[in-house]
C-alpha atoms as a PDB file:
ATOM      1  CA  MET A   1     -16.991   8.976  -9.749  1.00  0.00           C
ATOM      2  CA  VAL A   2     -16.304   8.857  -5.984  1.00  0.00           C
ATOM      3  CA  ASN A   3     -14.172  11.775  -4.441  1.00  0.00           C
ATOM      4  CA  ASN A   4     -12.295  11.552  -1.150  1.00  0.00           C
ATOM      5  CA  VAL A   5     -14.626   9.014   0.362  1.00  0.00           C
ATOM      6  CA  LYS A   6     -12.847   6.825   2.738  1.00  0.00           C
ATOM      7  CA  THR A   7     -12.928   3.018   2.380  1.00  0.00           C
ATOM      8  CA  ASP A   8     -15.158   1.335   4.876  1.00  0.00           C
ATOM      9  CA  VAL A   9     -12.389  -0.999   5.646  1.00  0.00           C
ATOM     10  CA  PRO A  10      -9.981   0.055   8.568  1.00  0.00           C
ATOM     11  CA  GLN A  11      -6.254   0.478   8.162  1.00  0.00           C
ATOM     12  CA  LEU A  12      -4.540  -2.728   9.079  1.00  0.00           C
ATOM     13  CA  LEU A  13      -1.043  -1.492   8.958  1.00  0.00           C
ATOM     14  CA  LYS A  14       0.038   2.188   9.510  1.00  0.00           C
ATOM     15  CA  TRP A  15       1.992   2.666   6.172  1.00  0.00           C
ATOM     16  CA  ILE A  16       3.112   5.978   4.559  1.00  0.00           C
ATOM     17  CA  GLY A  17       1.952   6.603   1.156  1.00  0.00           C
ATOM     18  CA  ASN A  18      -0.993   4.167   1.757  1.00  0.00           C
ATOM     19  CA  LYS A  19      -4.166   4.792  -0.423  1.00  0.00           C
ATOM     20  CA  HIS A  20      -6.632   4.436   2.352  1.00  0.00           C
ATOM     21  CA  ARG A  21      -8.176   7.784   2.101  1.00  0.00           C
ATOM     22  CA  PHE A  22      -8.885   7.644  -1.653  1.00  0.00           C
ATOM     23  CA  ALA A  23      -9.126   3.925  -2.303  1.00  0.00           C
ATOM     24  CA  LYS A  24     -12.819   4.176  -3.175  1.00  0.00           C
ATOM     25  CA  GLU A  25     -12.070   6.830  -5.989  1.00  0.00           C
ATOM     26  CA  ILE A  26      -9.351   4.422  -7.494  1.00  0.00           C
ATOM     27  CA  VAL A  27     -11.693   1.573  -7.427  1.00  0.00           C
ATOM     28  CA  SER A  28     -14.570   3.532  -8.877  1.00  0.00           C
ATOM     29  CA  HIS A  29     -12.287   3.893 -12.238  1.00  0.00           C
ATOM     30  CA  MET A  30     -11.731   0.219 -12.602  1.00  0.00           C
ATOM     31  CA  PRO A  31     -13.394  -1.487 -15.431  1.00  0.00           C
ATOM     32  CA  GLN A  32     -16.695  -3.133 -15.193  1.00  0.00           C
ATOM     33  CA  THR A  33     -15.509  -6.510 -15.877  1.00  0.00           C
ATOM     34  CA  ILE A  34     -12.319  -8.095 -14.511  1.00  0.00           C
ATOM     35  CA  ASN A  35     -11.090 -11.628 -14.781  1.00  0.00           C
ATOM     36  CA  THR A  36      -8.030 -11.631 -12.498  1.00  0.00           C
ATOM     37  CA  TYR A  37      -6.995  -8.570 -10.455  1.00  0.00           C
ATOM     38  CA  TYR A  38      -3.347  -8.114  -9.775  1.00  0.00           C
ATOM     39  CA  GLU A  39      -1.700  -5.653  -7.482  1.00  0.00           C
ATOM     40  CA  PRO A  40       2.154  -6.107  -7.574  1.00  0.00           C
ATOM     41  CA  PHE A  41       2.877  -3.218  -5.305  1.00  0.00           C
ATOM     42  CA  LEU A  42       0.726  -4.256  -2.335  1.00  0.00           C
ATOM     43  CA  GLY A  43       2.052  -2.096   0.445  1.00  0.00           C
ATOM     44  CA  SER A  44      -0.879  -1.662   3.011  1.00  0.00           C
ATOM     45  CA  GLY A  45      -3.363  -3.447   0.713  1.00  0.00           C
ATOM     46  CA  ALA A  46      -5.892  -0.511   1.083  1.00  0.00           C
ATOM     47  CA  VAL A  47      -7.069  -0.808  -2.629  1.00  0.00           C
ATOM     48  CA  LEU A  48      -7.245  -4.413  -2.684  1.00  0.00           C
ATOM     49  CA  SER A  49      -9.375  -4.655   0.479  1.00  0.00           C
ATOM     50  CA  THR A  50     -11.625  -1.801  -0.883  1.00  0.00           C
ATOM     51  CA  LEU A  51     -12.187  -3.643  -4.075  1.00  0.00           C
ATOM     52  CA  LEU A  52     -13.066  -6.869  -2.072  1.00  0.00           C
ATOM     53  CA  SER A  53     -15.450  -4.821   0.123  1.00  0.00           C
ATOM     54  CA  GLU A  54     -17.162  -3.036  -2.777  1.00  0.00           C
ATOM     55  CA  LYS A  55     -17.615  -6.495  -4.454  1.00  0.00           C
ATOM     56  CA  ARG A  56     -19.116  -7.889  -1.227  1.00  0.00           C
ATOM     57  CA  ASN A  57     -21.457  -5.082  -0.959  1.00  0.00           C
ATOM     58  CA  SER A  58     -22.648  -5.624  -4.646  1.00  0.00           C
ATOM     59  CA  LEU A  59     -21.252  -2.114  -5.357  1.00  0.00           C
ATOM     60  CA  PHE A  60     -18.670  -3.469  -8.028  1.00  0.00           C
ATOM     61  CA  PRO A  61     -19.082  -6.101 -10.713  1.00  0.00           C
ATOM     62  CA  THR A  62     -17.750  -9.600 -10.274  1.00  0.00           C
ATOM     63  CA  PHE A  63     -14.145 -10.531 -10.760  1.00  0.00           C
ATOM     64  CA  ASN A  64     -12.928 -14.147 -10.526  1.00  0.00           C
ATOM     65  CA  GLN A  65      -9.805 -14.006  -8.350  1.00  0.00           C
ATOM     66  CA  ALA A  66      -7.162 -11.556  -7.034  1.00  0.00           C
ATOM     67  CA  VAL A  67      -3.578 -11.719  -6.519  1.00  0.00           C
ATOM     68  CA  GLY A  68      -1.614  -9.324  -4.195  1.00  0.00           C
ATOM     69  CA  ALA A  69       2.171  -9.299  -4.148  1.00  0.00           C
ATOM     70  CA  ASP A  70       5.086  -7.444  -2.742  1.00  0.00           C
ATOM     71  CA  ILE A  71       8.998  -7.780  -2.858  1.00  0.00           C
ATOM     72  CA  LEU A  72       8.910  -7.771   1.054  1.00  0.00           C
ATOM     73  CA  PRO A  73       8.352 -11.196   2.064  1.00  0.00           C
ATOM     74  CA  PHE A  74       7.423 -10.478   5.871  1.00  0.00           C
ATOM     75  CA  LEU A  75       4.792  -8.101   4.572  1.00  0.00           C
ATOM     76  CA  ILE A  76       3.141 -10.911   2.594  1.00  0.00           C
ATOM     77  CA  ASP A  77       3.523 -13.170   5.465  1.00  0.00           C
ATOM     78  CA  ILE A  78       1.417 -10.762   7.443  1.00  0.00           C
ATOM     79  CA  PHE A  79      -1.447 -10.934   4.989  1.00  0.00           C
ATOM     80  CA  ASN A  80      -1.207 -14.804   5.011  1.00  0.00           C
ATOM     81  CA  TYR A  81      -1.577 -14.689   8.842  1.00  0.00           C
ATOM     82  CA  VAL A  82      -4.652 -12.370   8.578  1.00  0.00           C
ATOM     83  CA  LYS A  83      -5.946 -14.840   5.954  1.00  0.00           C
ATOM     84  CA  ASP A  84      -5.251 -18.118   7.566  1.00  0.00           C
ATOM     85  CA  GLU A  85      -4.204 -17.519  11.163  1.00  0.00           C
ATOM     86  CA  PRO A  86      -5.560 -14.393  12.396  1.00  0.00           C
ATOM     87  CA  GLU A  87      -5.342 -15.439  15.984  1.00  0.00           C
ATOM     88  CA  THR A  88      -1.543 -15.819  15.816  1.00  0.00           C
ATOM     89  CA  LEU A  89      -1.177 -12.206  14.691  1.00  0.00           C
ATOM     90  CA  ILE A  90      -3.570 -10.852  17.216  1.00  0.00           C
ATOM     91  CA  ASP A  91      -2.159 -12.785  20.188  1.00  0.00           C
ATOM     92  CA  HIS A  92       1.501 -11.602  19.162  1.00  0.00           C
ATOM     93  CA  TYR A  93       0.403  -7.883  18.830  1.00  0.00           C
ATOM     94  CA  ARG A  94      -1.265  -8.240  22.440  1.00  0.00           C
ATOM     95  CA  GLN A  95       1.798  -9.520  23.986  1.00  0.00           C
ATOM     96  CA  CYS A  96       3.918  -6.841  22.490  1.00  0.00           C
ATOM     97  CA  ILE A  97       1.552  -3.951  23.181  1.00  0.00           C
ATOM     98  CA  SER A  98       0.292  -4.857  26.700  1.00  0.00           C
ATOM     99  CA  GLY A  99       2.400  -2.790  28.995  1.00  0.00           C
ATOM    100  CA  TYR A 100       4.163  -0.958  26.008  1.00  0.00           C
ATOM    101  CA  ASN A 101       3.694   2.564  27.124  1.00  0.00           C
ATOM    102  CA  GLU A 102       5.448   1.654  30.533  1.00  0.00           C
ATOM    103  CA  ASP A 103       8.760   1.580  28.767  1.00  0.00           C
ATOM    104  CA  ARG A 104       8.050   2.815  25.304  1.00  0.00           C
ATOM    105  CA  ALA A 105      11.497   3.522  24.017  1.00  0.00           C
ATOM    106  CA  ASN A 106      13.130   0.223  25.277  1.00  0.00           C
ATOM    107  CA  ARG A 107      10.142  -1.995  24.168  1.00  0.00           C
ATOM    108  CA  TYR A 108      10.204  -0.463  20.571  1.00  0.00           C
ATOM    109  CA  ILE A 109      14.004  -1.005  20.292  1.00  0.00           C
ATOM    110  CA  GLU A 110      13.538  -4.555  21.627  1.00  0.00           C
ATOM    111  CA  ILE A 111      10.945  -5.427  19.009  1.00  0.00           C
ATOM    112  CA  ARG A 112      12.825  -3.703  16.266  1.00  0.00           C
ATOM    113  CA  ASP A 113      16.091  -5.411  17.033  1.00  0.00           C
ATOM    114  CA  ARG A 114      14.280  -8.683  17.160  1.00  0.00           C
ATOM    115  CA  PHE A 115      12.735  -7.996  13.617  1.00  0.00           C
ATOM    116  CA  ASN A 116      16.181  -7.081  12.273  1.00  0.00           C
ATOM    117  CA  HIS A 117      17.660 -10.350  13.518  1.00  0.00           C
ATOM    118  CA  ASP A 118      15.215 -12.725  11.936  1.00  0.00           C
ATOM    119  CA  PHE A 119      12.757 -10.407   9.893  1.00  0.00           C
ATOM    120  CA  ASN A 120       9.694 -11.932  11.555  1.00  0.00           C
ATOM    121  CA  ALA A 121       6.466 -10.868  10.049  1.00  0.00           C
ATOM    122  CA  LEU A 122       4.599 -10.778  13.500  1.00  0.00           C
ATOM    123  CA  ASP A 123       7.137  -8.283  14.868  1.00  0.00           C
ATOM    124  CA  PHE A 124       6.951  -6.255  11.515  1.00  0.00           C
ATOM    125  CA  ALA A 125       3.187  -5.860  12.017  1.00  0.00           C
ATOM    126  CA  VAL A 126       3.833  -4.425  15.528  1.00  0.00           C
ATOM    127  CA  LEU A 127       6.386  -2.048  14.129  1.00  0.00           C
ATOM    128  CA  THR A 128       4.230  -0.652  11.506  1.00  0.00           C
ATOM    129  CA  ARG A 129       1.752   0.388  14.116  1.00  0.00           C
ATOM    130  CA  THR A 130       4.452   1.931  16.444  1.00  0.00           C
ATOM    131  CA  CYS A 131       7.157   3.336  14.279  1.00  0.00           C
ATOM    132  CA  TYR A 132       7.431   6.912  13.273  1.00  0.00           C
ATOM    133  CA  SER A 133       4.242   7.730  11.161  1.00  0.00           C
ATOM    134  CA  GLY A 134       4.354   4.479   9.334  1.00  0.00           C
ATOM    135  CA  ILE A 135       7.650   5.310   7.547  1.00  0.00           C
ATOM    136  CA  ILE A 136       8.901   1.867   6.727  1.00  0.00           C
ATOM    137  CA  ARG A 137      12.575   2.625   5.887  1.00  0.00           C
ATOM    138  CA  PHE A 138      15.511   0.223   5.602  1.00  0.00           C
ATOM    139  CA  ARG A 139      19.203   0.654   5.329  1.00  0.00           C
ATOM    140  CA  LYS A 140      20.477  -0.059   1.774  1.00  0.00           C
ATOM    141  CA  SER A 141      23.658  -1.670   3.099  1.00  0.00           C
ATOM    142  CA  ASP A 142      22.096  -4.444   5.219  1.00  0.00           C
ATOM    143  CA  GLY A 143      18.313  -4.246   5.074  1.00  0.00           C
ATOM    144  CA  TYR A 144      18.156  -3.081   8.729  1.00  0.00           C
ATOM    145  CA  MET A 145      14.855  -1.190   9.567  1.00  0.00           C
ATOM    146  CA  SER A 146      16.110   2.150  10.902  1.00  0.00           C
ATOM    147  CA  THR A 147      12.720   3.902  11.658  1.00  0.00           C
ATOM    148  CA  PRO A 148      12.586   5.474  14.983  1.00  0.00           C
ATOM    149  CA  ILE A 149       9.729   5.028  17.519  1.00  0.00           C
ATOM    150  CA  GLY A 150       6.652   7.182  16.897  1.00  0.00           C
ATOM    151  CA  PRO A 151       5.295   9.718  19.431  1.00  0.00           C
ATOM    152  CA  HIS A 152       1.740   8.208  19.181  1.00  0.00           C
ATOM    153  CA  ASN A 153       0.007   5.566  21.167  1.00  0.00           C
ATOM    154  CA  PRO A 154      -0.385   2.401  19.214  1.00  0.00           C
ATOM    155  CA  ILE A 155      -4.036   1.336  18.752  1.00  0.00           C
ATOM    156  CA  SER A 156      -5.277  -1.136  21.613  1.00  0.00           C
ATOM    157  CA  PRO A 157      -4.999  -4.697  21.169  1.00  0.00           C
ATOM    158  CA  GLU A 158      -8.809  -4.848  21.089  1.00  0.00           C
ATOM    159  CA  SER A 159      -8.870  -2.309  18.106  1.00  0.00           C
ATOM    160  CA  PHE A 160      -6.075  -4.280  16.408  1.00  0.00           C
ATOM    161  CA  GLU A 161      -8.134  -7.526  16.816  1.00  0.00           C
ATOM    162  CA  SER A 162     -11.368  -5.944  15.375  1.00  0.00           C
ATOM    163  CA  ARG A 163      -9.354  -4.818  12.341  1.00  0.00           C
ATOM    164  CA  VAL A 164      -7.638  -8.167  11.756  1.00  0.00           C
ATOM    165  CA  MET A 165     -11.006 -10.089  11.916  1.00  0.00           C
ATOM    166  CA  GLN A 166     -12.644  -7.523   9.447  1.00  0.00           C
ATOM    167  CA  TRP A 167      -9.639  -8.079   7.000  1.00  0.00           C
ATOM    168  CA  HIS A 168      -9.827 -11.966   7.824  1.00  0.00           C
ATOM    169  CA  ASP A 169     -13.553 -12.033   6.792  1.00  0.00           C
ATOM    170  CA  LEU A 170     -12.688 -10.150   3.475  1.00  0.00           C
ATOM    171  CA  LEU A 171      -9.811 -12.343   2.608  1.00  0.00           C
ATOM    172  CA  GLN A 172     -11.750 -15.462   2.404  1.00  0.00           C
ATOM    173  CA  GLU A 173     -12.516 -14.674  -1.006  1.00  0.00           C
ATOM    174  CA  ASP A 174     -10.430 -16.263  -3.955  1.00  0.00           C
ATOM    175  CA  ILE A 175      -7.195 -14.374  -3.310  1.00  0.00           C
ATOM    176  CA  THR A 176      -3.505 -15.341  -3.361  1.00  0.00           C
ATOM    177  CA  PHE A 177      -0.590 -13.487  -1.670  1.00  0.00           C
ATOM    178  CA  ALA A 178       2.853 -13.826  -3.269  1.00  0.00           C
ATOM    179  CA  HIS A 179       6.291 -12.751  -2.380  1.00  0.00           C
ATOM    180  CA  SER A 180       7.471 -11.675  -5.868  1.00  0.00           C
ATOM    181  CA  ASP A 181       9.136  -8.957  -7.925  1.00  0.00           C
ATOM    182  CA  TYR A 182       6.408  -6.851  -9.717  1.00  0.00           C
ATOM    183  CA  LYS A 183       7.827  -8.017 -13.229  1.00  0.00           C
ATOM    184  CA  GLU A 184       6.926 -11.722 -12.288  1.00  0.00           C
ATOM    185  CA  ILE A 185       3.574 -10.907 -11.309  1.00  0.00           C
ATOM    186  CA  MET A 186       2.671  -8.806 -14.249  1.00  0.00           C
ATOM    187  CA  ASP A 187       3.924 -11.606 -16.636  1.00  0.00           C
ATOM    188  CA  LEU A 188       1.052 -13.780 -15.331  1.00  0.00           C
ATOM    189  CA  ALA A 189      -1.587 -11.237 -16.461  1.00  0.00           C
ATOM    190  CA  GLN A 190      -3.595 -11.926 -19.626  1.00  0.00           C
ATOM    191  CA  GLU A 191      -6.382 -10.314 -21.779  1.00  0.00           C
ATOM    192  CA  GLY A 192      -9.381  -9.389 -19.591  1.00  0.00           C
ATOM    193  CA  ASP A 193      -7.163  -8.877 -16.466  1.00  0.00           C
ATOM    194  CA  LEU A 194      -6.479  -5.783 -14.637  1.00  0.00           C
ATOM    195  CA  ILE A 195      -3.245  -4.788 -12.902  1.00  0.00           C
ATOM    196  CA  TYR A 196      -3.219  -1.768 -10.524  1.00  0.00           C
ATOM    197  CA  CYS A 197       0.379  -0.537  -9.970  1.00  0.00           C
ATOM    198  CA  ASP A 198       1.193   1.772  -6.902  1.00  0.00           C
ATOM    199  CA  PRO A 199       5.150   1.815  -7.226  1.00  0.00           C
ATOM    200  CA  PRO A 200       7.284   4.118  -5.068  1.00  0.00           C
ATOM    201  CA  TYR A 201       6.947   7.799  -5.970  1.00  0.00           C
ATOM    202  CA  THR A 202       9.935   8.705  -8.191  1.00  0.00           C
ATOM    203  CA  HIS A 203      10.365  12.287  -6.492  1.00  0.00           C
ATOM    204  CA  SER A 204      10.275  11.326  -2.797  1.00  0.00           C
ATOM    205  CA  GLN A 205      10.169   7.699  -1.732  1.00  0.00           C
ATOM    206  CA  THR A 206      13.453   6.139  -2.861  1.00  0.00           C
ATOM    207  CA  ILE A 207      14.655   5.729   0.749  1.00  0.00           C
ATOM    208  CA  LEU A 208      11.410   3.865   1.658  1.00  0.00           C
ATOM    209  CA  TYR A 209      10.681   0.134   2.145  1.00  0.00           C
ATOM    210  CA  GLY A 210      13.356  -1.087   0.045  1.00  0.00           C
ATOM    211  CA  ALA A 211      12.733   1.140  -2.846  1.00  0.00           C
ATOM    212  CA  GLN A 212      16.358   2.151  -3.791  1.00  0.00           C
ATOM    213  CA  ALA A 213      16.420  -0.399  -6.762  1.00  0.00           C
ATOM    214  CA  PHE A 214      13.272   0.529  -8.373  1.00  0.00           C
ATOM    215  CA  ARG A 215      13.423   2.014 -11.791  1.00  0.00           C
ATOM    216  CA  ILE A 216      10.243   3.579 -13.425  1.00  0.00           C
ATOM    217  CA  GLU A 217      11.646   2.994 -16.977  1.00  0.00           C
ATOM    218  CA  GLU A 218      11.623  -0.853 -16.311  1.00  0.00           C
ATOM    219  CA  LEU A 219       7.982  -0.543 -15.182  1.00  0.00           C
ATOM    220  CA  TYR A 220       6.987   1.226 -18.370  1.00  0.00           C
ATOM    221  CA  GLU A 221       8.466  -1.558 -20.381  1.00  0.00           C
ATOM    222  CA  LYS A 222       6.460  -4.001 -18.343  1.00  0.00           C
ATOM    223  CA  ILE A 223       3.310  -2.000 -18.639  1.00  0.00           C
ATOM    224  CA  GLN A 224       3.730  -1.933 -22.481  1.00  0.00           C
ATOM    225  CA  GLU A 225       4.050  -5.662 -22.669  1.00  0.00           C
ATOM    226  CA  CYS A 226       0.847  -6.122 -20.623  1.00  0.00           C
ATOM    227  CA  LYS A 227      -1.037  -3.564 -22.921  1.00  0.00           C
ATOM    228  CA  ASP A 228       0.078  -5.410 -25.898  1.00  0.00           C
ATOM    229  CA  ARG A 229      -1.533  -8.658 -24.478  1.00  0.00           C
ATOM    230  CA  GLY A 230      -4.842  -6.885 -23.878  1.00  0.00           C
ATOM    231  CA  VAL A 231      -4.276  -6.604 -20.051  1.00  0.00           C
ATOM    232  CA  LYS A 232      -5.551  -3.286 -18.587  1.00  0.00           C
ATOM    233  CA  VAL A 233      -3.225  -1.506 -16.391  1.00  0.00           C
ATOM    234  CA  MET A 234      -3.632   1.491 -13.916  1.00  0.00           C
ATOM    235  CA  LEU A 235      -0.716   3.330 -12.528  1.00  0.00           C
ATOM    236  CA  SER A 236      -0.686   5.586  -9.313  1.00  0.00           C
ATOM    237  CA  ILE A 237       2.261   8.037  -9.389  1.00  0.00           C
ATOM    238  CA  ASN A 238       3.297  11.471  -8.223  1.00  0.00           C
ATOM    239  CA  GLY A 239       1.524  14.239 -10.128  1.00  0.00           C
ATOM    240  CA  THR A 240       1.465  17.745  -8.465  1.00  0.00           C
ATOM    241  CA  LYS A 241       2.030  19.314  -5.154  1.00  0.00           C
ATOM    242  CA  ARG A 242       1.485  22.945  -3.679  1.00  0.00           C
ATOM    243  CA  SER A 243      -2.177  22.512  -4.730  1.00  0.00           C
ATOM    244  CA  GLY A 244      -1.230  22.151  -8.379  1.00  0.00           C
ATOM    245  CA  GLN A 245       1.375  24.862  -8.571  1.00  0.00           C
ATOM    246  CA  GLU A 246       4.304  22.516  -8.912  1.00  0.00           C
ATOM    247  CA  ASP A 247       4.353  19.677 -11.459  1.00  0.00           C
ATOM    248  CA  ILE A 248       6.168  16.775  -9.908  1.00  0.00           C
ATOM    249  CA  GLY A 249       4.712  14.300 -12.611  1.00  0.00           C
ATOM    250  CA  ILE A 250       6.491  11.760 -14.743  1.00  0.00           C
ATOM    251  CA  GLN A 251       7.109  11.798 -18.401  1.00  0.00           C
ATOM    252  CA  ALA A 252       5.624   8.490 -19.637  1.00  0.00           C
ATOM    253  CA  PRO A 253       6.597   7.169 -23.035  1.00  0.00           C
ATOM    254  CA  GLU A 254       4.324   8.541 -25.853  1.00  0.00           C
ATOM    255  CA  GLY A 255       1.274   6.111 -26.350  1.00  0.00           C
ATOM    256  CA  LEU A 256       1.693   4.117 -23.310  1.00  0.00           C
ATOM    257  CA  PHE A 257      -1.363   5.481 -21.660  1.00  0.00           C
ATOM    258  CA  GLU A 258      -4.621   6.542 -23.215  1.00  0.00           C
ATOM    259  CA  ARG A 259      -5.850   8.848 -20.435  1.00  0.00           C
ATOM    260  CA  ALA A 260      -5.010  10.285 -17.076  1.00  0.00           C
ATOM    261  CA  LEU A 261      -6.612  12.027 -14.229  1.00  0.00           C
ATOM    262  CA  PHE A 262      -5.577  13.637 -10.790  1.00  0.00           C
ATOM    263  CA  VAL A 263      -6.696  12.180  -7.564  1.00  0.00           C
ATOM    264  CA  ASN A 264      -6.600  14.706  -4.505  1.00  0.00           C
ATOM    265  CA  CYS A 265      -4.447  13.164  -1.734  1.00  0.00           C
ATOM    266  CA  GLY A 266      -4.850  16.073   0.812  1.00  0.00           C
ATOM    267  CA  VAL A 267      -1.585  17.258   2.424  1.00  0.00           C
ATOM    268  CA  SER A 268       1.274  14.750   2.118  1.00  0.00           C
ATOM    269  CA  MET A 269       2.344  12.880   5.088  1.00  0.00           C
ATOM    270  CA  ILE A 270       5.959  13.835   4.481  1.00  0.00           C
ATOM    271  CA  ASN A 271       4.911  17.577   4.515  1.00  0.00           C
ATOM    272  CA  ARG A 272       3.124  17.120   7.696  1.00  0.00           C
ATOM    273  CA  LEU A 273       6.085  15.512   9.366  1.00  0.00           C
ATOM    274  CA  GLN A 274       8.553  18.110   8.075  1.00  0.00           C
ATOM    275  CA  ARG A 275       6.397  21.152   8.919  1.00  0.00           C
ATOM    276  CA  GLN A 276       4.476  20.321  12.118  1.00  0.00           C
ATOM    277  CA  GLY A 277       2.714  23.411  13.548  1.00  0.00           C
ATOM    278  CA  GLU A 278       2.607  25.290  10.368  1.00  0.00           C
ATOM    279  CA  ILE A 279      -0.447  26.012   8.481  1.00  0.00           C
ATOM    280  CA  MET A 280      -0.714  23.681   5.355  1.00  0.00           C
ATOM    281  CA  GLU A 281      -2.087  26.252   2.922  1.00  0.00           C
ATOM    282  CA  ASP A 282      -1.670  25.546  -0.632  1.00  0.00           C
ATOM    283  CA  GLU A 283       0.142  22.372   0.099  1.00  0.00           C
ATOM    284  CA  ILE A 284      -2.452  19.838  -1.371  1.00  0.00           C
ATOM    285  CA  VAL A 285      -0.801  16.835  -3.435  1.00  0.00           C
ATOM    286  CA  HIS A 286      -2.490  15.275  -6.342  1.00  0.00           C
ATOM    287  CA  ASP A 287      -1.510  11.792  -7.640  1.00  0.00           C
ATOM    288  CA  SER A 288      -1.577  10.995 -11.293  1.00  0.00           C
ATOM    289  CA  LEU A 289      -3.707   8.130 -12.150  1.00  0.00           C
ATOM    290  CA  PHE A 290      -2.869   6.563 -15.645  1.00  0.00           C
ATOM    291  CA  PHE A 291      -4.860   4.276 -17.747  1.00  0.00           C
ATOM    292  CA  THR A 292      -3.821   1.985 -20.606  1.00  0.00           C
ATOM    293  CA  TRP A 293      -7.316   2.179 -22.116  1.00  0.00           C
ATOM    294  CA  GLU A 294      -9.960   4.716 -23.143  1.00  0.00           C
END
């Protein structure tokens, strides 16, 4: 087992709740043999990219193909740009970030307003790198991205280009990206396949990235269907906070999962945002990682 060892793949998108810091540990618990790997809540793609990297470095057994999906179409478009047209994404980021710090507030609003007008994936990629702490938040009424500007300096165009090209190299494997509801993607899986689910946390993320309509009970039903077909499913979800002193975990249906463990996530980003300048003693968060097989 791997504990708190960062993936070798750099973060492409700045994204709250991403699994970048402990993707290797998650991958280390995956089955030794996978036919098709499905990730229906793709988000920043940290686990998928780590799985691809481990496979390339011969640290993980082979799998035939992978499918990454998300309900946000412009997010999926970003990954397709990385895979097929990396220069387009790199050039757009360079145009937006060159001179960005000379008039930060107005430049950010300009990019955000443009995205909210046409939901362009290229602008969305820039917003993930410049918005407040990678908090991707949309208004329920009209889908408007409302996240304010972040205080940080965005990474340089050269650094972004390097990251895009590393991801581009990894994504030349047999991988498909799909704009889809998670239920449709999970219906595709068959015996011998693996699904890794990283849905919105039930206790804290309902305002983030269009998660207002998510219902964990519906996901349980879909996981049971997959289990009945011989598909293996892993679920990352909220577990404990305050270094294990407070249980914020779920109550899954009896018999749905065969085992579970905790993954140390460090201090949550939301805690860090809300309590800047304070000492974060006893504030470690642990995710629960559930398995449908022994």
